[in-house]
C-alpha atoms as a PDB file:
ATOM      1  CA  MET A   1      56.558-180.653 -20.605  1.00  0.00           C
ATOM      2  CA  PRO A   2      59.018-177.741 -20.448  1.00  0.00           C
ATOM      3  CA  PHE A   3      62.020-179.792 -21.623  1.00  0.00           C
ATOM      4  CA  VAL A   4      60.226-180.893 -24.787  1.00  0.00           C
ATOM      5  CA  LYS A   5      59.022-177.346 -25.423  1.00  0.00           C
ATOM      6  CA  ARG A   6      62.564-176.057 -24.989  1.00  0.00           C
ATOM      7  CA  ALA A   7      63.924-178.704 -27.376  1.00  0.00           C
ATOM      8  CA  PHE A   8      61.451-177.668 -30.078  1.00  0.00           C
ATOM      9  CA  HIS A   9      62.207-174.004 -29.442  1.00  0.00           C
ATOM     10  CA  TRP A  10      65.947-174.545 -29.866  1.00  0.00           C
ATOM     11  CA  ALA A  11      65.417-176.753 -32.926  1.00  0.00           C
ATOM     12  CA  TRP A  12      63.141-174.150 -34.517  1.00  0.00           C
ATOM     13  CA  ARG A  13      65.744-171.411 -34.056  1.00  0.00           C
ATOM     14  CA  ALA A  14      68.505-173.713 -35.325  1.00  0.00           C
ATOM     15  CA  LEU A  15      66.393-174.529 -38.378  1.00  0.00           C
ATOM     16  CA  PHE A  16      66.592-170.879 -39.424  1.00  0.00           C
ATOM     17  CA  LEU A  17      70.338-170.729 -38.795  1.00  0.00           C
ATOM     18  CA  GLU A  18      70.185-168.388 -35.800  1.00  0.00           C
ATOM     19  CA  GLN A  19      73.809-168.445 -34.717  1.00  0.00           C
ATOM     20  CA  ASP A  20      73.059-167.468 -31.107  1.00  0.00           C
ATOM     21  CA  VAL A  21      71.274-170.780 -30.461  1.00  0.00           C
ATOM     22  CA  TYR A  22      74.383-172.660 -31.606  1.00  0.00           C
ATOM     23  CA  GLU A  23      76.422-170.424 -29.285  1.00  0.00           C
ATOM     24  CA  ASP A  24      74.027-171.186 -26.421  1.00  0.00           C
ATOM     25  CA  MET A  25      74.483-174.902 -27.041  1.00  0.00           C
ATOM     26  CA  ARG A  26      78.264-174.510 -27.188  1.00  0.00           C
ATOM     27  CA  ASP A  27      78.286-172.687 -23.868  1.00  0.00           C
ATOM     28  CA  ASP A  28      75.798-175.030 -22.153  1.00  0.00           C
ATOM     29  CA  ASP A  29      76.922-176.985 -19.062  1.00  0.00           C
ATOM     30  CA  ASN A  30      76.342-180.335 -20.814  1.00  0.00           C
ATOM     31  CA  PRO A  31      75.925-179.934 -24.595  1.00  0.00           C
ATOM     32  CA  PHE A  32      75.986-183.682 -25.218  1.00  0.00           C
ATOM     33  CA  VAL A  33      72.995-184.417 -22.974  1.00  0.00           C
ATOM     34  CA  GLU A  34      71.062-181.462 -24.396  1.00  0.00           C
ATOM     35  CA  GLY A  35      71.889-182.606 -27.908  1.00  0.00           C
ATOM     36  CA  LEU A  36      70.871-186.193 -27.232  1.00  0.00           C
ATOM     37  CA  PHE A  37      67.524-185.036 -25.869  1.00  0.00           C
ATOM     38  CA  ILE A  38      66.923-182.845 -28.927  1.00  0.00           C
ATOM     39  CA  VAL A  39      67.677-185.710 -31.328  1.00  0.00           C
ATOM     40  CA  VAL A  40      65.307-187.995 -29.414  1.00  0.00           C
ATOM     41  CA  VAL A  41      62.518-185.398 -29.398  1.00  0.00           C
ATOM     42  CA  ILE A  42      62.908-184.697 -33.132  1.00  0.00           C
ATOM     43  CA  SER A  43      63.021-188.375 -34.086  1.00  0.00           C
ATOM     44  CA  VAL A  44      60.020-189.348 -31.944  1.00  0.00           C
ATOM     45  CA  ALA A  45      58.009-186.413 -33.313  1.00  0.00           C
ATOM     46  CA  ILE A  46      58.823-187.459 -36.879  1.00  0.00           C
ATOM     47  CA  ALA A  47      57.910-191.076 -36.178  1.00  0.00           C
ATOM     48  CA  LEU A  48      54.612-190.097 -34.516  1.00  0.00           C
ATOM     49  CA  PHE A  49      53.588-187.801 -37.362  1.00  0.00           C
ATOM     50  CA  SER A  50      54.599-190.483 -39.856  1.00  0.00           C
ATOM     51  CA  LEU A  51      52.375-192.980 -38.047  1.00  0.00           C
ATOM     52  CA  VAL A  52      49.425-190.585 -38.183  1.00  0.00           C
ATOM     53  CA  GLY A  53      50.104-189.887 -41.856  1.00  0.00           C
ATOM     54  CA  THR A  54      50.294-193.593 -42.610  1.00  0.00           C
ATOM     55  CA  ALA A  55      46.989-194.188 -40.835  1.00  0.00           C
ATOM     56  CA  LEU A  56      45.339-191.394 -42.835  1.00  0.00           C
ATOM     57  CA  ALA A  57      46.801-192.722 -46.074  1.00  0.00           C
ATOM     58  CA  ARG A  58      45.629-196.226 -45.227  1.00  0.00           C
ATOM     59  CA  ALA A  59      42.105-194.927 -44.620  1.00  0.00           C
ATOM     60  CA  ALA A  60      42.149-193.224 -48.035  1.00  0.00           C
ATOM     61  CA  THR A  61      43.582-196.262 -49.869  1.00  0.00           C
ATOM     62  CA  PRO A  62      41.494-199.170 -51.217  1.00  0.00           C
ATOM     63  CA  ASP A  63      41.693-202.374 -49.190  1.00  0.00           C
ATOM     64  CA  LEU A  64      44.683-204.435 -50.282  1.00  0.00           C
ATOM     65  CA  GLN A  65      42.877-207.781 -50.196  1.00  0.00           C
ATOM     66  CA  ALA A  66      40.015-206.357 -52.253  1.00  0.00           C
ATOM     67  CA  MET A  67      42.503-205.074 -54.835  1.00  0.00           C
ATOM     68  CA  LYS A  68      44.233-208.444 -54.909  1.00  0.00           C
ATOM     69  CA  GLN A  69      40.967-210.288 -55.471  1.00  0.00           C
ATOM     70  CA  THR A  70      39.820-207.843 -58.171  1.00  0.00           C
ATOM     71  CA  VAL A  71      43.042-208.283 -60.126  1.00  0.00           C
ATOM     72  CA  LEU A  72      42.843-212.057 -59.699  1.00  0.00           C
ATOM     73  CA  ASN A  73      39.299-212.112 -61.032  1.00  0.00           C
ATOM     74  CA  GLY A  74      40.443-210.125 -64.045  1.00  0.00           C
ATOM     75  CA  LEU A  75      43.297-212.534 -64.725  1.00  0.00           C
ATOM     76  CA  ARG A  76      41.035-215.560 -64.445  1.00  0.00           C
ATOM     77  CA  SER A  77      38.688-214.102 -67.057  1.00  0.00           C
ATOM     78  CA  MET A  78      41.457-213.885 -69.658  1.00  0.00           C
ATOM     79  CA  PRO A  79      41.755-216.601 -72.350  1.00  0.00           C
ATOM     80  CA  TRP A  80      45.350-217.482 -71.506  1.00  0.00           C
ATOM     81  CA  PHE A  81      44.321-218.502 -67.969  1.00  0.00           C
ATOM     82  CA  ASP A  82      42.104-221.328 -69.259  1.00  0.00           C
ATOM     83  CA  GLN A  83      44.804-222.348 -71.717  1.00  0.00           C
ATOM     84  CA  MET A  84      47.307-222.537 -68.847  1.00  0.00           C
ATOM     85  CA  LEU A  85      44.983-224.785 -66.834  1.00  0.00           C
ATOM     86  CA  GLN A  86      44.361-227.062 -69.803  1.00  0.00           C
ATOM     87  CA  ALA A  87      48.086-227.404 -70.472  1.00  0.00           C
ATOM     88  CA  GLY A  88      49.366-227.725 -66.908  1.00  0.00           C
ATOM     89  CA  GLY A  89      46.388-228.674 -64.764  1.00  0.00           C
ATOM     90  CA  GLN A  90      46.552-228.375 -60.973  1.00  0.00           C
ATOM     91  CA  GLN A  91      50.333-228.073 -60.931  1.00  0.00           C
ATOM     92  CA  ALA A  92      50.194-224.999 -63.164  1.00  0.00           C
ATOM     93  CA  LEU A  93      47.436-223.490 -60.993  1.00  0.00           C
ATOM     94  CA  ASP A  94      49.425-224.081 -57.805  1.00  0.00           C
ATOM     95  CA  MET A  95      52.520-222.464 -59.316  1.00  0.00           C
ATOM     96  CA  PHE A  96      50.479-219.496 -60.541  1.00  0.00           C
ATOM     97  CA  ASN A  97      48.955-218.994 -57.090  1.00  0.00           C
ATOM     98  CA  GLN A  98      52.373-219.122 -55.426  1.00  0.00           C
ATOM     99  CA  PHE A  99      53.847-216.492 -57.746  1.00  0.00           C
ATOM    100  CA  TYR A 100      50.701-214.368 -57.493  1.00  0.00           C
ATOM    101  CA  ASP A 101      50.776-214.382 -53.688  1.00  0.00           C
ATOM    102  CA  LEU A 102      54.505-213.629 -53.690  1.00  0.00           C
ATOM    103  CA  GLY A 103      53.949-210.725 -56.057  1.00  0.00           C
ATOM    104  CA  TRP A 104      51.320-209.246 -53.752  1.00  0.00           C
ATOM    105  CA  GLN A 105      53.721-209.482 -50.831  1.00  0.00           C
ATOM    106  CA  ILE A 106      56.370-207.512 -52.728  1.00  0.00           C
ATOM    107  CA  PHE A 107      54.356-205.107 -54.880  1.00  0.00           C
ATOM    108  CA  PRO A 108      52.624-203.116 -52.089  1.00  0.00           C
ATOM    109  CA  ARG A 109      55.978-202.308 -50.473  1.00  0.00           C
ATOM    110  CA  LEU A 110      57.504-201.242 -53.794  1.00  0.00           C
ATOM    111  CA  ALA A 111      54.435-199.154 -54.580  1.00  0.00           C
ATOM    112  CA  GLY A 112      54.488-197.486 -51.157  1.00  0.00           C
ATOM    113  CA  TYR A 113      51.261-198.978 -49.823  1.00  0.00           C
ATOM    114  CA  PRO A 114      50.686-197.588 -46.291  1.00  0.00           C
ATOM    115  CA  ASP A 115      51.947-200.071 -43.706  1.00  0.00           C
ATOM    116  CA  ILE A 116      50.800-199.142 -40.204  1.00  0.00           C
ATOM    117  CA  GLY A 117      52.871-201.942 -38.630  1.00  0.00           C
ATOM    118  CA  ASN A 118      56.127-200.619 -40.070  1.00  0.00           C
ATOM    119  CA  ALA A 119      55.160-197.057 -39.139  1.00  0.00           C
ATOM    120  CA  ALA A 120      54.577-198.145 -35.528  1.00  0.00           C
ATOM    121  CA  LEU A 121      57.885-200.033 -35.448  1.00  0.00           C
ATOM    122  CA  ASN A 122      59.543-196.841 -36.630  1.00  0.00           C
ATOM    123  CA  LEU A 123      58.754-195.277 -33.251  1.00  0.00           C
ATOM    124  CA  VAL A 124      61.672-197.339 -31.948  1.00  0.00           C
ATOM    125  CA  LEU A 125      63.855-197.756 -35.024  1.00  0.00           C
ATOM    126  CA  LEU A 126      63.956-194.103 -36.113  1.00  0.00           C
ATOM    127  CA  PRO A 127      65.218-192.682 -32.793  1.00  0.00           C
ATOM    128  CA  VAL A 128      67.876-195.395 -32.554  1.00  0.00           C
ATOM    129  CA  THR A 129      68.969-194.812 -36.163  1.00  0.00           C
ATOM    130  CA  MET A 130      69.067-191.031 -35.837  1.00  0.00           C
ATOM    131  CA  ILE A 131      71.060-191.212 -32.598  1.00  0.00           C
ATOM    132  CA  LEU A 132      73.645-193.573 -34.093  1.00  0.00           C
ATOM    133  CA  LEU A 133      74.032-191.504 -37.274  1.00  0.00           C
ATOM    134  CA  TRP A 134      74.258-188.279 -35.265  1.00  0.00           C
ATOM    135  CA  LEU A 135      76.986-189.729 -33.030  1.00  0.00           C
ATOM    136  CA  LEU A 136      78.921-191.219 -35.939  1.00  0.00           C
ATOM    137  CA  TRP A 137      78.843-188.075 -38.056  1.00  0.00           C
ATOM    138  CA  GLY A 138      79.505-185.838 -35.063  1.00  0.00           C
ATOM    139  CA  VAL A 139      82.594-187.748 -33.929  1.00  0.00           C
ATOM    140  CA  VAL A 140      84.109-187.809 -37.429  1.00  0.00           C
ATOM    141  CA  ALA A 141      83.280-184.130 -37.978  1.00  0.00           C
ATOM    142  CA  HIS A 142      84.862-183.267 -34.621  1.00  0.00           C
ATOM    143  CA  VAL A 143      88.088-185.060 -35.518  1.00  0.00           C
ATOM    144  CA  VAL A 144      88.220-183.320 -38.907  1.00  0.00           C
ATOM    145  CA  ALA A 145      87.470-179.922 -37.357  1.00  0.00           C
ATOM    146  CA  ARG A 146      90.225-180.341 -34.767  1.00  0.00           C
ATOM    147  CA  LEU A 147      92.696-181.360 -37.471  1.00  0.00           C
ATOM    148  CA  LEU A 148      91.762-178.147 -39.290  1.00  0.00           C
ATOM    149  CA  GLY A 149      92.516-176.062 -36.203  1.00  0.00           C
ATOM    150  CA  GLY A 150      89.196-176.180 -34.378  1.00  0.00           C
ATOM    151  CA  LYS A 151      89.051-175.444 -30.650  1.00  0.00           C
ATOM    152  CA  GLY A 152      85.754-177.007 -29.559  1.00  0.00           C
ATOM    153  CA  THR A 153      85.278-180.106 -27.414  1.00  0.00           C
ATOM    154  CA  LEU A 154      83.580-183.312 -28.532  1.00  0.00           C
ATOM    155  CA  SER A 155      80.616-182.593 -26.247  1.00  0.00           C
ATOM    156  CA  GLN A 156      80.203-179.136 -27.796  1.00  0.00           C
ATOM    157  CA  THR A 157      80.421-180.569 -31.300  1.00  0.00           C
ATOM    158  CA  LEU A 158      77.805-183.214 -30.610  1.00  0.00           C
ATOM    159  CA  GLY A 159      75.489-180.706 -28.948  1.00  0.00           C
ATOM    160  CA  ALA A 160      75.678-178.247 -31.832  1.00  0.00           C
ATOM    161  CA  THR A 161      75.395-180.903 -34.538  1.00  0.00           C
ATOM    162  CA  ALA A 162      72.290-182.213 -32.764  1.00  0.00           C
ATOM    163  CA  LEU A 163      70.736-178.820 -33.483  1.00  0.00           C
ATOM    164  CA  ALA A 164      71.689-179.386 -37.119  1.00  0.00           C
ATOM    165  CA  GLU A 165      69.143-182.228 -37.205  1.00  0.00           C
ATOM    166  CA  ALA A 166      66.405-179.576 -37.022  1.00  0.00           C
ATOM    167  CA  PRO A 167      65.676-179.668 -40.806  1.00  0.00           C
ATOM    168  CA  GLN A 168      64.379-183.191 -40.261  1.00  0.00           C
ATOM    169  CA  LEU A 169      61.313-181.494 -38.762  1.00  0.00           C
ATOM    170  CA  LEU A 170      60.316-180.527 -42.300  1.00  0.00           C
ATOM    171  CA  SER A 171      59.347-184.157 -42.812  1.00  0.00           C
ATOM    172  CA  LEU A 172      56.457-183.605 -40.380  1.00  0.00           C
ATOM    173  CA  VAL A 173      54.396-182.528 -43.393  1.00  0.00           C
ATOM    174  CA  THR A 174      54.272-186.222 -44.331  1.00  0.00           C
ATOM    175  CA  VAL A 175      51.312-186.397 -41.961  1.00  0.00           C
ATOM    176  CA  ILE A 176      49.395-185.271 -45.049  1.00  0.00           C
ATOM    177  CA  PRO A 177      48.727-188.425 -47.105  1.00  0.00           C
ATOM    178  CA  PHE A 178      50.988-188.945 -50.124  1.00  0.00           C
ATOM    179  CA  VAL A 179      53.068-185.799 -49.421  1.00  0.00           C
ATOM    180  CA  VAL A 180      56.804-186.416 -49.896  1.00  0.00           C
ATOM    181  CA  VAL A 181      59.640-184.083 -48.877  1.00  0.00           C
ATOM    182  CA  GLY A 182      62.484-183.954 -51.387  1.00  0.00           C
ATOM    183  CA  GLY A 183      66.213-183.395 -51.023  1.00  0.00           C
ATOM    184  CA  VAL A 184      65.803-179.964 -49.440  1.00  0.00           C
ATOM    185  CA  ILE A 185      66.223-181.535 -45.988  1.00  0.00           C
ATOM    186  CA  GLY A 186      69.714-182.830 -46.781  1.00  0.00           C
ATOM    187  CA  THR A 187      70.885-179.479 -48.163  1.00  0.00           C
ATOM    188  CA  TRP A 188      69.391-177.536 -45.266  1.00  0.00           C
ATOM    189  CA  ARG A 189      70.971-179.906 -42.762  1.00  0.00           C
ATOM    190  CA  MET A 190      74.398-179.370 -44.322  1.00  0.00           C
ATOM    191  CA  LEU A 191      73.965-175.604 -43.877  1.00  0.00           C
ATOM    192  CA  CYS A 192      73.040-176.164 -40.223  1.00  0.00           C
ATOM    193  CA  ARG A 193      76.039-178.447 -39.747  1.00  0.00           C
ATOM    194  CA  TYR A 194      78.293-175.812 -41.285  1.00  0.00           C
ATOM    195  CA  THR A 195      76.919-173.215 -38.866  1.00  0.00           C
ATOM    196  CA  ALA A 196      77.366-175.618 -35.941  1.00  0.00           C
ATOM    197  CA  LEU A 197      81.001-176.472 -36.709  1.00  0.00           C
ATOM    198  CA  LYS A 198      81.940-172.893 -37.522  1.00  0.00           C
ATOM    199  CA  THR A 199      80.404-171.648 -34.260  1.00  0.00           C
ATOM    200  CA  VAL A 200      81.811-174.356 -31.999  1.00  0.00           C
ATOM    201  CA  HIS A 201      85.322-174.505 -33.419  1.00  0.00           C
ATOM    202  CA  GLY A 202      85.831-170.881 -34.486  1.00  0.00           C
ATOM    203  CA  LEU A 203      86.868-171.963 -37.978  1.00  0.00           C
ATOM    204  CA  SER A 204      87.162-169.713 -41.011  1.00  0.00           C
ATOM    205  CA  TRP A 205      84.428-170.330 -43.573  1.00  0.00           C
ATOM    206  CA  PRO A 206      86.640-172.390 -45.961  1.00  0.00           C
ATOM    207  CA  ARG A 207      87.756-174.673 -43.123  1.00  0.00           C
ATOM    208  CA  ALA A 208      84.211-174.921 -41.794  1.00  0.00           C
ATOM    209  CA  VAL A 209      83.044-175.960 -45.270  1.00  0.00           C
ATOM    210  CA  ALA A 210      85.793-178.591 -45.424  1.00  0.00           C
ATOM    211  CA  ALA A 211      84.915-179.895 -41.954  1.00  0.00           C
ATOM    212  CA  THR A 212      81.274-180.155 -43.043  1.00  0.00           C
ATOM    213  CA  LEU A 213      81.872-181.931 -46.343  1.00  0.00           C
ATOM    214  CA  LEU A 214      84.787-184.240 -45.511  1.00  0.00           C
ATOM    215  CA  PRO A 215      82.865-186.632 -43.213  1.00  0.00           C
ATOM    216  CA  GLY A 216      80.392-187.390 -46.003  1.00  0.00           C
ATOM    217  CA  ILE A 217      83.239-187.935 -48.458  1.00  0.00           C
ATOM    218  CA  LEU A 218      85.015-190.250 -46.020  1.00  0.00           C
ATOM    219  CA  PHE A 219      81.821-192.233 -45.437  1.00  0.00           C
ATOM    220  CA  GLY A 220      81.328-192.514 -49.213  1.00  0.00           C
ATOM    221  CA  ILE A 221      84.866-193.844 -49.671  1.00  0.00           C
ATOM    222  CA  LEU A 222      84.391-196.309 -46.811  1.00  0.00           C
ATOM    223  CA  ILE A 223      81.120-197.600 -48.275  1.00  0.00           C
ATOM    224  CA  ALA A 224      82.739-197.960 -51.708  1.00  0.00           C
ATOM    225  CA  VAL A 225      85.691-199.899 -50.252  1.00  0.00           C
ATOM    226  CA  LEU A 226      83.434-202.176 -48.211  1.00  0.00           C
ATOM    227  CA  GLY A 227      81.223-202.735 -51.251  1.00  0.00           C
ATOM    228  CA  PHE A 228      84.261-203.656 -53.365  1.00  0.00           C
ATOM    229  CA  ILE A 229      85.528-206.065 -50.702  1.00  0.00           C
ATOM    230  CA  PHE A 230      82.095-207.673 -50.329  1.00  0.00           C
ATOM    231  CA  SER A 231      81.594-208.061 -54.081  1.00  0.00           C
ATOM    232  CA  THR A 232      85.100-209.512 -54.452  1.00  0.00           C
ATOM    233  CA  LEU A 233      84.466-212.062 -51.702  1.00  0.00           C
ATOM    234  CA  LEU A 234      81.077-212.942 -53.191  1.00  0.00           C
ATOM    235  CA  MET A 235      82.557-213.448 -56.651  1.00  0.00           C
ATOM    236  CA  GLY A 236      85.285-215.605 -55.128  1.00  0.00           C
ATOM    237  CA  LEU A 237      82.713-217.776 -53.349  1.00  0.00           C
ATOM    238  CA  VAL A 238      80.635-218.126 -56.517  1.00  0.00           C
ATOM    239  CA  ALA A 239      83.713-218.965 -58.626  1.00  0.00           C
ATOM    240  CA  GLY A 240      84.800-221.518 -56.019  1.00  0.00           C
ATOM    241  CA  GLY A 241      81.372-223.123 -56.049  1.00  0.00           C
ATOM    242  CA  ILE A 242      81.363-223.382 -59.842  1.00  0.00           C
ATOM    243  CA  ALA A 243      84.864-224.862 -59.858  1.00  0.00           C
ATOM    244  CA  GLN A 244      83.760-227.618 -57.491  1.00  0.00           C
END
């Protein structure tokens, strides 16, 4: 598929901060559509590789039910288990089984046990999430860039910042079981976003840096304010319930 091949080619060049690819996107007839397609291709590729990696990890991981039964057998062989049954009888056993089953529903997720179902669901959720975050960040960054004297259009901004999602391709190495990519993706993406905004809006480097960093700061402030409002409302509801 030539369109997919082109998307990967552009993303690969953008990954290594080749300014001419950001210029090509800026000068494209429809940067927004091109950018949307690139984000979709990147997100689907990541989700597919993640699914394969999860399947490989699952094949290399002991069966969860076998692990659960082995641990249960070990617990039943301990002296305190018999003492618990003697003291509490069937009621104590039922309560123990409920907590044990609940623990084995929570523990695998906390421990990162490979879940093929969630990995398959991610084929839909990841593209939707990446598109929404790309649009949200791109619109805010565009407004900030224009306030700082930028000349680009919203379509150009979104197209170029779609290329800035290219560092997400580094997560494709997660196809190898138990391999985790650290914070390098976030840092690399910020450099790509800086290049995108500077190229599209013709900003000086200090203003391009500001346009790159301010959206994240604004989002952080918004999250903090919403968190404060939510916690205040929750405390008010709890205090009201106690007073009654």
